[in-house]
Amino acid sequence: MRAALEDCGLEKLFVVYPGARRYDLDERIAVLPLGDLGEFRL
């Protein structure tokens, strides 16, 4: 994921998963539950 951030020049990367908890893996990597996508704002 860190390589993708650098290689693609991304400011932030989001991992979407079928769980229920939202959390950060890193300052620039966030994990989001699939159910939260409808309400998610950058």
PDB file of N, CA and C in Angstrom:
ATOM      1  N   MET A   1       0.812  -1.177   0.000  1.00  0.00           N
ATOM      2  CA  MET A   1       0.000   0.000   0.000  1.00  0.00           C
ATOM      3  C   MET A   1       0.867   1.257   0.000  1.00  0.00           C
ATOM      4  N   ARG A   2       1.928   1.222   0.763  1.00  0.00           N
ATOM      5  CA  ARG A   2       2.816   2.395   0.773  1.00  0.00           C
ATOM      6  C   ARG A   2       3.460   2.595  -0.586  1.00  0.00           C
ATOM      7  N   ALA A   3       3.801   1.485  -1.247  1.00  0.00           N
ATOM      8  CA  ALA A   3       4.380   1.587  -2.591  1.00  0.00           C
ATOM      9  C   ALA A   3       3.358   2.177  -3.564  1.00  0.00           C
ATOM     10  N   ALA A   4       2.104   1.793  -3.448  1.00  0.00           N
ATOM     11  CA  ALA A   4       1.058   2.341  -4.320  1.00  0.00           C
ATOM     12  C   ALA A   4       0.903   3.838  -4.088  1.00  0.00           C
ATOM     13  N   LEU A   5       0.964   4.274  -2.840  1.00  0.00           N
ATOM     14  CA  LEU A   5       0.887   5.704  -2.532  1.00  0.00           C
ATOM     15  C   LEU A   5       1.982   6.467  -3.262  1.00  0.00           C
ATOM     16  N   GLU A   6       3.188   5.952  -3.153  1.00  0.00           N
ATOM     17  CA  GLU A   6       4.330   6.631  -3.766  1.00  0.00           C
ATOM     18  C   GLU A   6       4.334   6.505  -5.292  1.00  0.00           C
ATOM     19  N   ASP A   7       4.146   5.290  -5.782  1.00  0.00           N
ATOM     20  CA  ASP A   7       4.200   5.055  -7.234  1.00  0.00           C
ATOM     21  C   ASP A   7       3.122   5.807  -7.997  1.00  0.00           C
ATOM     22  N   CYS A   8       1.936   5.920  -7.402  1.00  0.00           N
ATOM     23  CA  CYS A   8       0.808   6.578  -8.070  1.00  0.00           C
ATOM     24  C   CYS A   8       0.671   8.046  -7.679  1.00  0.00           C
ATOM     25  N   GLY A   9       1.509   8.505  -6.757  1.00  0.00           N
ATOM     26  CA  GLY A   9       1.445   9.893  -6.316  1.00  0.00           C
ATOM     27  C   GLY A   9       0.161  10.226  -5.571  1.00  0.00           C
ATOM     28  N   LEU A  10      -0.348   9.262  -4.796  1.00  0.00           N
ATOM     29  CA  LEU A  10      -1.602   9.458  -4.068  1.00  0.00           C
ATOM     30  C   LEU A  10      -1.368  10.193  -2.753  1.00  0.00           C
ATOM     31  N   GLU A  11      -2.349  10.991  -2.354  1.00  0.00           N
ATOM     32  CA  GLU A  11      -2.283  11.658  -1.052  1.00  0.00           C
ATOM     33  C   GLU A  11      -2.787  10.737   0.049  1.00  0.00           C
ATOM     34  N   LYS A  12      -3.785   9.913  -0.273  1.00  0.00           N
ATOM     35  CA  LYS A  12      -4.389   9.011   0.706  1.00  0.00           C
ATOM     36  C   LYS A  12      -4.892   7.769  -0.014  1.00  0.00           C
ATOM     37  N   LEU A  13      -4.889   6.644   0.688  1.00  0.00           N
ATOM     38  CA  LEU A  13      -5.350   5.382   0.146  1.00  0.00           C
ATOM     39  C   LEU A  13      -6.408   4.818   1.089  1.00  0.00           C
ATOM     40  N   PHE A  14      -7.466   4.269   0.524  1.00  0.00           N
ATOM     41  CA  PHE A  14      -8.556   3.706   1.310  1.00  0.00           C
ATOM     42  C   PHE A  14      -8.695   2.219   1.026  1.00  0.00           C
ATOM     43  N   VAL A  15      -8.804   1.443   2.086  1.00  0.00           N
ATOM     44  CA  VAL A  15      -9.044   0.013   1.985  1.00  0.00           C
ATOM     45  C   VAL A  15     -10.493  -0.209   2.408  1.00  0.00           C
ATOM     46  N   VAL A  16     -11.282  -0.822   1.545  1.00  0.00           N
ATOM     47  CA  VAL A  16     -12.688  -1.091   1.851  1.00  0.00           C
ATOM     48  C   VAL A  16     -12.817  -2.577   2.179  1.00  0.00           C
ATOM     49  N   TYR A  17     -13.504  -2.864   3.293  1.00  0.00           N
ATOM     50  CA  TYR A  17     -13.650  -4.260   3.710  1.00  0.00           C
ATOM     51  C   TYR A  17     -15.058  -4.496   4.258  1.00  0.00           C
ATOM     52  N   PRO A  18     -15.503  -5.746   4.374  1.00  0.00           N
ATOM     53  CA  PRO A  18     -16.879  -6.039   4.774  1.00  0.00           C
ATOM     54  C   PRO A  18     -17.137  -5.952   6.278  1.00  0.00           C
ATOM     55  N   GLY A  19     -16.187  -5.468   7.052  1.00  0.00           N
ATOM     56  CA  GLY A  19     -16.356  -5.375   8.502  1.00  0.00           C
ATOM     57  C   GLY A  19     -17.189  -4.173   8.914  1.00  0.00           C
ATOM     58  N   ALA A  20     -17.128  -3.815  10.189  1.00  0.00           N
ATOM     59  CA  ALA A  20     -17.970  -2.749  10.726  1.00  0.00           C
ATOM     60  C   ALA A  20     -17.189  -1.581  11.319  1.00  0.00           C
ATOM     61  N   ARG A  21     -15.879  -1.710  11.460  1.00  0.00           N
ATOM     62  CA  ARG A  21     -15.097  -0.692  12.161  1.00  0.00           C
ATOM     63  C   ARG A  21     -14.241   0.113  11.189  1.00  0.00           C
ATOM     64  N   ARG A  22     -14.242   1.428  11.364  1.00  0.00           N
ATOM     65  CA  ARG A  22     -13.395   2.330  10.571  1.00  0.00           C
ATOM     66  C   ARG A  22     -12.154   2.641  11.399  1.00  0.00           C
ATOM     67  N   TYR A  23     -10.963   2.560  10.772  1.00  0.00           N
ATOM     68  CA  TYR A  23      -9.726   2.861  11.498  1.00  0.00           C
ATOM     69  C   TYR A  23      -8.623   3.216  10.509  1.00  0.00           C
ATOM     70  N   ASP A  24      -7.554   3.777  11.015  1.00  0.00           N
ATOM     71  CA  ASP A  24      -6.397   4.134  10.197  1.00  0.00           C
ATOM     72  C   ASP A  24      -5.295   3.100  10.384  1.00  0.00           C
ATOM     73  N   LEU A  25      -4.671   2.727   9.287  1.00  0.00           N
ATOM     74  CA  LEU A  25      -3.487   1.869   9.345  1.00  0.00           C
ATOM     75  C   LEU A  25      -2.231   2.715   9.423  1.00  0.00           C
ATOM     76  N   ASP A  26      -2.347   3.918   8.908  1.00  0.00           N
ATOM     77  CA  ASP A  26      -1.212   4.816   8.753  1.00  0.00           C
ATOM     78  C   ASP A  26      -1.799   6.221   8.614  1.00  0.00           C
ATOM     79  N   GLU A  27      -0.969   7.221   8.660  1.00  0.00           N
ATOM     80  CA  GLU A  27      -1.436   8.601   8.485  1.00  0.00           C
ATOM     81  C   GLU A  27      -2.138   8.795   7.137  1.00  0.00           C
ATOM     82  N   ARG A  28      -1.721   8.017   6.133  1.00  0.00           N
ATOM     83  CA  ARG A  28      -2.270   8.174   4.784  1.00  0.00           C
ATOM     84  C   ARG A  28      -3.057   6.965   4.295  1.00  0.00           C
ATOM     85  N   ILE A  29      -3.293   5.974   5.173  1.00  0.00           N
ATOM     86  CA  ILE A  29      -4.028   4.765   4.792  1.00  0.00           C
ATOM     87  C   ILE A  29      -5.175   4.553   5.773  1.00  0.00           C
ATOM     88  N   ALA A  30      -6.409   4.605   5.256  1.00  0.00           N
ATOM     89  CA  ALA A  30      -7.596   4.434   6.094  1.00  0.00           C
ATOM     90  C   ALA A  30      -8.350   3.178   5.672  1.00  0.00           C
ATOM     91  N   VAL A  31      -8.927   2.487   6.647  1.00  0.00           N
ATOM     92  CA  VAL A  31      -9.740   1.297   6.405  1.00  0.00           C
ATOM     93  C   VAL A  31     -11.188   1.679   6.644  1.00  0.00           C
ATOM     94  N   LEU A  32     -12.042   1.403   5.651  1.00  0.00           N
ATOM     95  CA  LEU A  32     -13.451   1.775   5.722  1.00  0.00           C
ATOM     96  C   LEU A  32     -14.344   0.558   5.555  1.00  0.00           C
ATOM     97  N   PRO A  33     -15.383   0.444   6.386  1.00  0.00           N
ATOM     98  CA  PRO A  33     -16.353  -0.620   6.191  1.00  0.00           C
ATOM     99  C   PRO A  33     -17.145  -0.363   4.906  1.00  0.00           C
ATOM    100  N   LEU A  34     -17.489  -1.400   4.200  1.00  0.00           N
ATOM    101  CA  LEU A  34     -18.253  -1.287   2.964  1.00  0.00           C
ATOM    102  C   LEU A  34     -19.548  -0.513   3.190  1.00  0.00           C
ATOM    103  N   GLY A  35     -20.198  -0.741   4.301  1.00  0.00           N
ATOM    104  CA  GLY A  35     -21.452  -0.062   4.606  1.00  0.00           C
ATOM    105  C   GLY A  35     -21.336   1.437   4.790  1.00  0.00           C
ATOM    106  N   ASP A  36     -20.130   1.955   5.010  1.00  0.00           N
ATOM    107  CA  ASP A  36     -19.926   3.385   5.218  1.00  0.00           C
ATOM    108  C   ASP A  36     -19.697   4.155   3.926  1.00  0.00           C
ATOM    109  N   LEU A  37     -19.565   3.483   2.803  1.00  0.00           N
ATOM    110  CA  LEU A  37     -19.227   4.175   1.554  1.00  0.00           C
ATOM    111  C   LEU A  37     -20.277   5.202   1.156  1.00  0.00           C
ATOM    112  N   GLY A  38     -21.532   4.953   1.416  1.00  0.00           N
ATOM    113  CA  GLY A  38     -22.582   5.886   1.053  1.00  0.00           C
ATOM    114  C   GLY A  38     -22.495   7.205   1.801  1.00  0.00           C
ATOM    115  N   GLU A  39     -21.909   7.214   2.978  1.00  0.00           N
ATOM    116  CA  GLU A  39     -21.813   8.428   3.786  1.00  0.00           C
ATOM    117  C   GLU A  39     -20.400   9.008   3.838  1.00  0.00           C
ATOM    118  N   PHE A  40     -19.451   8.371   3.163  1.00  0.00           N
ATOM    119  CA  PHE A  40     -18.062   8.772   3.233  1.00  0.00           C
ATOM    120  C   PHE A  40     -17.799  10.071   2.468  1.00  0.00           C
ATOM    121  N   ARG A  41     -17.049  10.967   3.077  1.00  0.00           N
ATOM    122  CA  ARG A  41     -16.621  12.220   2.445  1.00  0.00           C
ATOM    123  C   ARG A  41     -15.115  12.359   2.655  1.00  0.00           C
ATOM    124  N   LEU A  42     -14.413  12.858   1.651  1.00  0.00           N
ATOM    125  CA  LEU A  42     -12.962  13.061   1.759  1.00  0.00           C
ATOM    126  C   LEU A  42     -12.628  14.169   2.692  1.00  0.00           C
TER     127      LEU A  42
END
